[in-house]
Amino acid sequence: MKTREKNIKTLIIRLPGAVALAITLILPGSAPLWAESPLRAAALPPFDRVYQQSLRTMQSEARAVGLRIDTDIDVLVTTATSHVLLATIDGFENIRLDPNGPNEFDFGFVNVTGLGQLPDGYYRMHYVVDFRFPENAFVFLINAQGQVFTYPIEIMDELHPELGPRKGLTSEGHNTAVGCHMAMGDGSVRYISISIAQ
């Protein structure tokens, strides 16, 4: 019998007072951050409710700044006081970047708490990339207050282009990497990422 792999991710819910509750979410259809044993089916409803609440909040915040996001969010938690929620903008997978010229596009919408110099809140991710001059590529993180934070971009060839356009959220050491796997006009896929220090 084949076993089916599930994506296990963690979200910390802040409760009144000094108590924090760590909840593990099973998120189908997104790239895994790490693998763990599947949870009992009886435990799924509370996790589903937390996921749906987070998603509704993300969608409402995105609409407030004129964006529509998809129904799949990646959740990364590093400590009881920090987290990242990442969703992609509807239709991002249809974008085809020009390998021979400048590109400017919105990719995702992210909620950040307790990371680096970023004030806690929701951010639109607006990329400016010219693959002829990759050292000059950057992304604007723009929040609802109109504050703009600029991060340099790292560009790499995609190791698994057959997986197509998608988002990526990983943590290594003291850095959280927020990445996008974007389709190019020449049929290739490139991985574009930014690193946010914890």
C-alpha atoms as a PDB file:
ATOM      1  CA  MET A   1       0.000   0.000   0.000  1.00  0.00           C
ATOM      2  CA  LYS A   2       1.366   3.409  -0.916  1.00  0.00           C
ATOM      3  CA  THR A   3       1.637   5.909   1.846  1.00  0.00           C
ATOM      4  CA  ARG A   4       0.744   9.479   1.091  1.00  0.00           C
ATOM      5  CA  GLU A   5       3.091  12.219   2.256  1.00  0.00           C
ATOM      6  CA  LYS A   6       1.567  15.159   4.093  1.00  0.00           C
ATOM      7  CA  ASN A   7       3.017  18.622   4.566  1.00  0.00           C
ATOM      8  CA  ILE A   8       3.394  19.480   8.218  1.00  0.00           C
ATOM      9  CA  LYS A   9       3.823  23.088   9.247  1.00  0.00           C
ATOM     10  CA  THR A  10       3.586  24.947  12.530  1.00  0.00           C
ATOM     11  CA  LEU A  11       1.756  28.094  13.587  1.00  0.00           C
ATOM     12  CA  ILE A  12       1.907  29.682  17.022  1.00  0.00           C
ATOM     13  CA  ILE A  13      -1.312  31.257  18.201  1.00  0.00           C
ATOM     14  CA  ARG A  14      -0.937  34.070  20.727  1.00  0.00           C
ATOM     15  CA  LEU A  15      -3.411  33.847  23.598  1.00  0.00           C
ATOM     16  CA  PRO A  16      -4.265  36.503  26.206  1.00  0.00           C
ATOM     17  CA  GLY A  17      -1.534  36.920  28.786  1.00  0.00           C
ATOM     18  CA  ALA A  18       1.839  35.292  28.464  1.00  0.00           C
ATOM     19  CA  VAL A  19       0.555  31.966  27.139  1.00  0.00           C
ATOM     20  CA  ALA A  20       1.349  30.785  23.616  1.00  0.00           C
ATOM     21  CA  LEU A  21      -0.114  27.714  21.946  1.00  0.00           C
ATOM     22  CA  ALA A  22       1.836  25.901  19.223  1.00  0.00           C
ATOM     23  CA  ILE A  23      -0.391  24.291  16.603  1.00  0.00           C
ATOM     24  CA  THR A  24       0.758  22.093  13.738  1.00  0.00           C
ATOM     25  CA  LEU A  25      -1.099  22.580  10.469  1.00  0.00           C
ATOM     26  CA  ILE A  26      -1.464  20.032   7.688  1.00  0.00           C
ATOM     27  CA  LEU A  27      -1.370  22.096   4.483  1.00  0.00           C
ATOM     28  CA  PRO A  28      -2.142  20.131   1.326  1.00  0.00           C
ATOM     29  CA  GLY A  29      -0.744  21.276  -1.993  1.00  0.00           C
ATOM     30  CA  SER A  30       2.227  23.305  -0.817  1.00  0.00           C
ATOM     31  CA  ALA A  31       5.932  22.551  -0.738  1.00  0.00           C
ATOM     32  CA  PRO A  32       6.987  20.844   2.504  1.00  0.00           C
ATOM     33  CA  LEU A  33       9.144  22.682   5.008  1.00  0.00           C
ATOM     34  CA  TRP A  34       9.904  19.484   6.869  1.00  0.00           C
ATOM     35  CA  ALA A  35       8.477  15.977   7.194  1.00  0.00           C
ATOM     36  CA  GLU A  36       6.842  14.514  10.288  1.00  0.00           C
ATOM     37  CA  SER A  37       4.496  11.630  10.993  1.00  0.00           C
ATOM     38  CA  PRO A  38       0.880  12.193   9.908  1.00  0.00           C
ATOM     39  CA  LEU A  39      -1.466  13.252  12.676  1.00  0.00           C
ATOM     40  CA  ARG A  40      -4.601  11.343  13.628  1.00  0.00           C
ATOM     41  CA  ALA A  41      -7.631  12.269  11.550  1.00  0.00           C
ATOM     42  CA  ALA A  42      -9.531  13.180  14.729  1.00  0.00           C
ATOM     43  CA  ALA A  43      -7.057  16.012  15.359  1.00  0.00           C
ATOM     44  CA  LEU A  44      -7.597  17.707  11.991  1.00  0.00           C
ATOM     45  CA  PRO A  45     -10.644  19.951  12.531  1.00  0.00           C
ATOM     46  CA  PRO A  46      -8.994  22.409  15.006  1.00  0.00           C
ATOM     47  CA  PHE A  47      -5.978  22.728  12.698  1.00  0.00           C
ATOM     48  CA  ASP A  48      -8.213  23.310   9.708  1.00  0.00           C
ATOM     49  CA  ARG A  49     -10.021  26.081  11.594  1.00  0.00           C
ATOM     50  CA  VAL A  50      -6.746  27.818  12.463  1.00  0.00           C
ATOM     51  CA  TYR A  51      -5.580  27.549   8.854  1.00  0.00           C
ATOM     52  CA  GLN A  52      -8.856  28.936   7.507  1.00  0.00           C
ATOM     53  CA  GLN A  53      -8.789  31.832   9.994  1.00  0.00           C
ATOM     54  CA  SER A  54      -5.243  32.730   8.962  1.00  0.00           C
ATOM     55  CA  LEU A  55      -6.172  32.519   5.293  1.00  0.00           C
ATOM     56  CA  ARG A  56      -9.251  34.749   5.691  1.00  0.00           C
ATOM     57  CA  THR A  57      -7.163  37.366   7.509  1.00  0.00           C
ATOM     58  CA  MET A  58      -4.506  37.272   4.777  1.00  0.00           C
ATOM     59  CA  GLN A  59      -7.135  37.646   2.045  1.00  0.00           C
ATOM     60  CA  SER A  60      -8.830  40.578   3.809  1.00  0.00           C
ATOM     61  CA  GLU A  61      -5.532  42.397   4.316  1.00  0.00           C
ATOM     62  CA  ALA A  62      -4.557  41.811   0.679  1.00  0.00           C
ATOM     63  CA  ARG A  63      -7.899  43.146  -0.593  1.00  0.00           C
ATOM     64  CA  ALA A  64      -7.383  46.281   1.505  1.00  0.00           C
ATOM     65  CA  VAL A  65      -4.354  47.152  -0.634  1.00  0.00           C
ATOM     66  CA  GLY A  66      -5.959  46.114  -3.922  1.00  0.00           C
ATOM     67  CA  LEU A  67      -4.547  42.594  -4.256  1.00  0.00           C
ATOM     68  CA  ARG A  68      -6.119  39.167  -4.594  1.00  0.00           C
ATOM     69  CA  ILE A  69      -4.236  36.174  -3.220  1.00  0.00           C
ATOM     70  CA  ASP A  70      -4.655  32.447  -3.664  1.00  0.00           C
ATOM     71  CA  THR A  71      -6.167  30.018  -1.174  1.00  0.00           C
ATOM     72  CA  ASP A  72      -2.897  28.333  -0.211  1.00  0.00           C
ATOM     73  CA  ILE A  73      -0.587  29.845   2.411  1.00  0.00           C
ATOM     74  CA  ASP A  74       2.760  28.599   3.630  1.00  0.00           C
ATOM     75  CA  VAL A  75       3.347  28.986   7.350  1.00  0.00           C
ATOM     76  CA  LEU A  76       6.793  29.183   8.917  1.00  0.00           C
ATOM     77  CA  VAL A  77       7.329  29.637  12.639  1.00  0.00           C
ATOM     78  CA  THR A  78      10.739  30.160  14.177  1.00  0.00           C
ATOM     79  CA  THR A  79       9.936  31.056  17.794  1.00  0.00           C
ATOM     80  CA  ALA A  80       6.960  31.913  19.986  1.00  0.00           C
ATOM     81  CA  THR A  81       7.363  35.564  18.975  1.00  0.00           C
ATOM     82  CA  SER A  82       8.100  35.293  15.250  1.00  0.00           C
ATOM     83  CA  HIS A  83       6.407  33.881  12.179  1.00  0.00           C
ATOM     84  CA  VAL A  84       5.972  34.281   8.431  1.00  0.00           C
ATOM     85  CA  LEU A  85       2.804  33.583   6.446  1.00  0.00           C
ATOM     86  CA  LEU A  86       3.261  33.649   2.660  1.00  0.00           C
ATOM     87  CA  ALA A  87       0.611  33.597  -0.070  1.00  0.00           C
ATOM     88  CA  THR A  88       0.998  34.142  -3.796  1.00  0.00           C
ATOM     89  CA  ILE A  89      -1.003  36.638  -5.831  1.00  0.00           C
ATOM     90  CA  ASP A  90      -3.734  35.134  -8.009  1.00  0.00           C
ATOM     91  CA  GLY A  91      -2.397  34.385 -11.490  1.00  0.00           C
ATOM     92  CA  PHE A  92       1.306  34.715 -10.644  1.00  0.00           C
ATOM     93  CA  GLU A  93       1.980  31.368 -12.351  1.00  0.00           C
ATOM     94  CA  ASN A  94       0.965  32.947 -15.685  1.00  0.00           C
ATOM     95  CA  ILE A  95       3.748  35.542 -15.513  1.00  0.00           C
ATOM     96  CA  ARG A  96       6.578  34.956 -18.002  1.00  0.00           C
ATOM     97  CA  LEU A  97       9.729  36.900 -17.192  1.00  0.00           C
ATOM     98  CA  ASP A  98      11.951  38.295 -19.940  1.00  0.00           C
ATOM     99  CA  PRO A  99      15.496  36.888 -19.643  1.00  0.00           C
ATOM    100  CA  ASN A 100      16.804  39.695 -21.905  1.00  0.00           C
ATOM    101  CA  GLY A 101      15.244  42.742 -20.319  1.00  0.00           C
ATOM    102  CA  PRO A 102      13.789  44.377 -17.229  1.00  0.00           C
ATOM    103  CA  ASN A 103      10.922  42.790 -15.281  1.00  0.00           C
ATOM    104  CA  GLU A 104       8.689  44.360 -12.648  1.00  0.00           C
ATOM    105  CA  PHE A 105       5.988  42.257 -11.002  1.00  0.00           C
ATOM    106  CA  ASP A 106       4.073  41.488  -7.818  1.00  0.00           C
ATOM    107  CA  PHE A 107       4.575  37.949  -6.569  1.00  0.00           C
ATOM    108  CA  GLY A 108       3.207  37.509  -3.086  1.00  0.00           C
ATOM    109  CA  PHE A 109       1.697  38.882   0.068  1.00  0.00           C
ATOM    110  CA  VAL A 110       3.425  38.123   3.358  1.00  0.00           C
ATOM    111  CA  ASN A 111       2.617  38.517   7.055  1.00  0.00           C
ATOM    112  CA  VAL A 112       5.717  38.971   9.213  1.00  0.00           C
ATOM    113  CA  THR A 113       6.048  39.077  12.986  1.00  0.00           C
ATOM    114  CA  GLY A 114       9.270  39.404  14.949  1.00  0.00           C
ATOM    115  CA  LEU A 115      11.761  39.215  12.076  1.00  0.00           C
ATOM    116  CA  GLY A 116      14.689  41.556  11.499  1.00  0.00           C
ATOM    117  CA  GLN A 117      13.998  45.262  11.150  1.00  0.00           C
ATOM    118  CA  LEU A 118      10.564  44.737   9.610  1.00  0.00           C
ATOM    119  CA  PRO A 119       7.675  46.162  11.649  1.00  0.00           C
ATOM    120  CA  ASP A 120       5.083  43.455  12.319  1.00  0.00           C
ATOM    121  CA  GLY A 121       2.397  43.416   9.659  1.00  0.00           C
ATOM    122  CA  TYR A 122       1.369  42.560   6.114  1.00  0.00           C
ATOM    123  CA  TYR A 123       3.500  43.316   3.062  1.00  0.00           C
ATOM    124  CA  ARG A 124       3.042  43.316  -0.697  1.00  0.00           C
ATOM    125  CA  MET A 125       6.131  41.873  -2.431  1.00  0.00           C
ATOM    126  CA  HIS A 126       7.057  43.872  -5.547  1.00  0.00           C
ATOM    127  CA  TYR A 127      10.069  42.621  -7.536  1.00  0.00           C
ATOM    128  CA  VAL A 128      12.344  44.538  -9.933  1.00  0.00           C
ATOM    129  CA  VAL A 129      14.641  42.159 -11.845  1.00  0.00           C
ATOM    130  CA  ASP A 130      16.816  42.516 -14.942  1.00  0.00           C
ATOM    131  CA  PHE A 131      18.516  39.185 -15.606  1.00  0.00           C
ATOM    132  CA  ARG A 132      21.239  40.920 -17.622  1.00  0.00           C
ATOM    133  CA  PHE A 133      22.276  42.664 -14.391  1.00  0.00           C
ATOM    134  CA  PRO A 134      21.298  40.245 -11.584  1.00  0.00           C
ATOM    135  CA  GLU A 135      23.426  42.115  -9.032  1.00  0.00           C
ATOM    136  CA  ASN A 136      21.003  45.050  -9.265  1.00  0.00           C
ATOM    137  CA  ALA A 137      17.831  43.028  -8.628  1.00  0.00           C
ATOM    138  CA  PHE A 138      15.735  43.853  -5.552  1.00  0.00           C
ATOM    139  CA  VAL A 139      12.315  43.504  -3.982  1.00  0.00           C
ATOM    140  CA  PHE A 140      10.178  46.134  -2.268  1.00  0.00           C
ATOM    141  CA  LEU A 141       8.214  45.019   0.795  1.00  0.00           C
ATOM    142  CA  ILE A 142       5.401  47.569   1.074  1.00  0.00           C
ATOM    143  CA  ASN A 143       3.064  47.631   4.073  1.00  0.00           C
ATOM    144  CA  ALA A 144      -0.378  49.195   4.572  1.00  0.00           C
ATOM    145  CA  GLN A 145       1.172  52.317   6.141  1.00  0.00           C
ATOM    146  CA  GLY A 146       3.091  52.970   2.926  1.00  0.00           C
ATOM    147  CA  GLN A 147       6.457  52.055   4.469  1.00  0.00           C
ATOM    148  CA  VAL A 148       8.850  50.527   1.941  1.00  0.00           C
ATOM    149  CA  PHE A 149      11.671  48.113   2.817  1.00  0.00           C
ATOM    150  CA  THR A 150      14.161  47.069   0.127  1.00  0.00           C
ATOM    151  CA  TYR A 151      15.946  43.708   0.009  1.00  0.00           C
ATOM    152  CA  PRO A 152      18.534  42.467  -2.492  1.00  0.00           C
ATOM    153  CA  ILE A 153      17.624  39.386  -4.500  1.00  0.00           C
ATOM    154  CA  GLU A 154      19.544  36.174  -5.048  1.00  0.00           C
ATOM    155  CA  ILE A 155      18.901  34.504  -8.415  1.00  0.00           C
ATOM    156  CA  MET A 156      19.603  30.831  -9.105  1.00  0.00           C
ATOM    157  CA  ASP A 157      18.836  28.319 -11.833  1.00  0.00           C
ATOM    158  CA  GLU A 158      15.934  26.057 -10.918  1.00  0.00           C
ATOM    159  CA  LEU A 159      17.002  22.515  -9.989  1.00  0.00           C
ATOM    160  CA  HIS A 160      13.525  21.086 -10.693  1.00  0.00           C
ATOM    161  CA  PRO A 161      11.965  23.136 -13.530  1.00  0.00           C
ATOM    162  CA  GLU A 162       9.356  20.417 -14.063  1.00  0.00           C
ATOM    163  CA  LEU A 163       7.655  21.582 -10.838  1.00  0.00           C
ATOM    164  CA  GLY A 164       6.872  24.933 -12.459  1.00  0.00           C
ATOM    165  CA  PRO A 165       6.113  28.282 -10.797  1.00  0.00           C
ATOM    166  CA  ARG A 166       5.591  28.126  -7.028  1.00  0.00           C
ATOM    167  CA  LYS A 167       6.509  29.802  -3.760  1.00  0.00           C
ATOM    168  CA  GLY A 168       9.142  28.792  -1.246  1.00  0.00           C
ATOM    169  CA  LEU A 169       9.569  29.487   2.458  1.00  0.00           C
ATOM    170  CA  THR A 170      12.482  28.048   4.435  1.00  0.00           C
ATOM    171  CA  SER A 171      14.538  28.810   7.516  1.00  0.00           C
ATOM    172  CA  GLU A 172      18.239  28.143   7.975  1.00  0.00           C
ATOM    173  CA  GLY A 173      20.282  29.353  10.914  1.00  0.00           C
ATOM    174  CA  HIS A 174      19.293  32.946  11.673  1.00  0.00           C
ATOM    175  CA  ASN A 175      17.784  33.659   8.263  1.00  0.00           C
ATOM    176  CA  THR A 176      14.370  33.102   6.711  1.00  0.00           C
ATOM    177  CA  ALA A 177      14.368  32.782   2.909  1.00  0.00           C
ATOM    178  CA  VAL A 178      11.263  33.880   1.002  1.00  0.00           C
ATOM    179  CA  GLY A 179      11.481  32.696  -2.573  1.00  0.00           C
ATOM    180  CA  CYS A 180       9.595  32.514  -5.836  1.00  0.00           C
ATOM    181  CA  HIS A 181      10.140  29.972  -8.596  1.00  0.00           C
ATOM    182  CA  MET A 182       9.218  31.986 -11.701  1.00  0.00           C
ATOM    183  CA  ALA A 183       8.645  30.907 -15.297  1.00  0.00           C
ATOM    184  CA  MET A 184      10.789  32.570 -17.965  1.00  0.00           C
ATOM    185  CA  GLY A 185       9.823  33.451 -21.513  1.00  0.00           C
ATOM    186  CA  ASP A 186      12.414  30.964 -22.800  1.00  0.00           C
ATOM    187  CA  GLY A 187      10.698  28.045 -21.032  1.00  0.00           C
ATOM    188  CA  SER A 188      13.100  27.817 -18.089  1.00  0.00           C
ATOM    189  CA  VAL A 189      12.339  28.458 -14.411  1.00  0.00           C
ATOM    190  CA  ARG A 190      14.450  30.630 -12.093  1.00  0.00           C
ATOM    191  CA  TYR A 191      14.514  30.683  -8.302  1.00  0.00           C
ATOM    192  CA  ILE A 192      14.483  34.237  -6.916  1.00  0.00           C
ATOM    193  CA  SER A 193      14.828  34.671  -3.159  1.00  0.00           C
ATOM    194  CA  ILE A 194      15.332  37.222  -0.410  1.00  0.00           C
ATOM    195  CA  SER A 195      16.726  36.589   3.051  1.00  0.00           C
ATOM    196  CA  ILE A 196      15.275  38.165   6.213  1.00  0.00           C
ATOM    197  CA  ALA A 197      17.441  37.977   9.335  1.00  0.00           C
ATOM    198  CA  GLN A 198      15.714  36.876  12.537  1.00  0.00           C
END
